[in-house]
Protein backbone atom coordinates (compact mmCIF):
# COMPACT_ATOMS: atom_id res chain seq x y z
CA MET A 1 85.24 134.39 122.84
CA ALA A 2 88.99 134.49 121.81
CA GLU A 3 90.21 135.03 125.32
CA LYS A 4 88.51 131.63 126.63
CA VAL A 5 90.36 129.80 123.85
CA ASP A 6 93.65 131.22 124.82
CA ARG A 7 92.92 130.71 128.45
CA LEU A 8 91.81 127.11 127.75
CA THR A 9 94.91 126.55 125.37
CA ARG A 10 97.18 127.47 128.20
CA VAL A 11 95.44 125.44 130.76
CA ASN A 12 95.66 122.40 128.41
CA GLU A 13 99.56 123.01 128.05
CA LEU A 14 99.91 123.45 131.79
CA ILE A 15 97.99 120.24 132.66
CA LYS A 16 100.21 118.44 129.93
CA ARG A 17 103.39 119.70 131.29
CA GLU A 18 102.57 118.73 134.92
CA LEU A 19 101.28 115.21 133.88
CA ALA A 20 104.50 114.77 131.92
CA ASN A 21 106.45 115.61 135.05
CA TYR A 22 104.55 113.46 137.17
CA LEU A 23 105.34 110.48 134.93
CA GLU A 24 108.74 111.18 134.74
CA LYS A 25 108.96 111.36 138.76
CA PHE A 26 106.93 108.30 139.30
CA PRO A 27 107.29 105.96 136.24
CA LEU A 28 104.52 103.37 135.41
CA GLU A 29 105.51 100.06 136.58
CA THR A 30 103.75 98.36 133.58
CA ALA A 31 105.57 100.55 131.20
CA GLU A 32 108.73 98.52 130.86
CA ASN A 33 110.25 98.62 127.39
CA MET A 34 107.76 100.92 126.34
CA LEU A 35 107.49 104.82 125.80
CA VAL A 36 104.42 106.47 127.28
CA SER A 37 103.56 110.06 126.26
CA ILE A 38 101.22 112.63 127.07
CA THR A 39 100.54 114.13 123.63
CA ALA A 40 97.37 116.45 124.40
CA VAL A 41 95.10 117.49 127.02
CA ASN A 42 91.71 118.55 126.28
CA THR A 43 89.94 120.63 129.34
CA SER A 44 86.34 121.45 129.49
CA VAL A 45 85.39 125.03 129.36
CA ASP A 46 84.33 124.91 133.31
CA LEU A 47 87.63 123.18 134.06
CA ARG A 48 85.79 120.30 135.93
CA ASN A 49 86.84 117.54 133.18
CA ALA A 50 90.04 116.86 131.19
CA THR A 51 90.59 114.22 128.52
CA VAL A 52 94.22 113.10 128.43
CA SER A 53 95.61 111.61 125.19
CA VAL A 54 98.25 109.02 125.95
CA SER A 55 100.39 107.81 123.23
CA ILE A 56 102.27 104.34 123.80
CA PHE A 57 105.24 102.87 121.88
CA GLY A 58 106.08 99.23 121.97
CA GLY A 59 104.39 96.44 123.80
CA LYS A 60 101.18 94.46 122.86
CA ASN A 61 97.94 95.46 123.01
CA SER A 62 97.33 93.83 126.52
CA ASP A 63 100.51 95.48 127.87
CA ARG A 64 98.78 99.05 126.56
CA GLN A 65 95.67 98.01 128.43
CA ASP A 66 97.50 97.28 131.67
CA ILE A 67 99.23 101.05 131.29
CA PHE A 68 95.84 102.59 130.95
CA ARG A 69 94.60 100.50 134.16
CA GLU A 70 97.46 101.85 136.06
CA LEU A 71 96.93 105.48 134.70
CA SER A 72 93.32 105.17 136.27
CA ALA A 73 94.62 103.77 139.34
CA LYS A 74 97.03 106.78 139.67
CA ARG A 75 94.46 109.51 138.74
CA MET A 76 93.50 110.31 142.18
CA ASP A 77 97.35 111.10 143.07
CA MET A 78 97.85 112.98 139.63
CA GLN A 79 94.64 115.22 140.32
CA ARG A 80 96.15 115.98 143.94
CA VAL A 81 99.49 116.96 142.29
CA LEU A 82 97.71 119.10 139.90
CA ALA A 83 95.66 120.74 142.78
CA LYS A 84 98.92 121.56 144.68
CA THR A 85 100.91 122.82 141.70
CA LEU A 86 98.32 124.73 139.63
CA ALA A 87 96.14 125.93 142.43
CA PHE A 88 92.71 126.32 139.98
CA LYS A 89 89.52 126.76 141.80
CA HIS A 90 88.55 123.44 140.62
CA THR A 91 90.83 120.52 139.54
CA PRO A 92 89.76 118.89 136.62
CA VAL A 93 88.78 115.12 136.73
CA LEU A 94 91.28 113.17 134.46
CA ALA A 95 90.13 110.70 131.82
CA PHE A 96 92.84 108.95 129.71
CA LYS A 97 92.33 107.79 126.07
CA PRO A 98 94.65 106.21 123.71
CA ASP A 99 96.18 108.43 121.04
CA ARG A 100 97.42 106.42 118.00
CA ARG A 101 98.22 109.41 115.68
CA LEU A 102 102.01 109.05 116.15
CA GLU A 103 102.08 105.42 115.72
CA LEU A 104 99.95 105.42 112.52
CA GLY A 105 102.20 108.23 111.35
CA ASP A 106 105.24 105.93 111.77
CA ARG A 107 103.42 103.15 109.90
CA VAL A 108 102.67 105.44 106.86
CA LEU A 109 106.11 106.78 106.83
CA ALA A 110 107.56 103.14 106.86
CA LEU A 111 105.36 102.28 103.86
CA LEU A 112 106.51 105.46 101.94
CA ASN A 113 110.19 104.62 102.71
CA ASP A 114 109.62 100.91 101.58
CA PRO A 115 106.50 100.51 99.47
CA ASP A 116 107.24 96.96 98.68
CA ALA A 117 107.33 96.07 102.39
CA PRO A 118 104.00 93.66 103.46
CA VAL A 119 101.51 95.79 105.17
CA GLU A 120 101.40 94.59 108.90
CA LYS A 121 98.02 93.92 110.63
CA SER A 122 97.80 95.99 114.06
CA ASP A 123 97.03 93.96 117.11
CA GLU A 124 94.01 95.82 118.06
């Protein structure tokens, strides 16, 4: 069982790296003045599906939704690149989800640095 976990961990990191390279070569048009980062990939055991966690810094909630729409539109091209570069038997179908852990961590650090600062409501 440990062998499968090690293999999946390597596969997740390979996919994460290749997707990050893709976004570097082909930047998202809707991500102007925002930082888009692939933070994690979770691939199913049969390698048919992969959930990609995406962290977005800056912009409004509507801008973030536009980024996810563009990622979904480019999904087939990303899968084609993965199929070519990784040469797996099955290329996983990508699904994108927001990852707010880093953003929430920054908020906590800001509150710790200045406990008297007013607490801002997020634009969720």
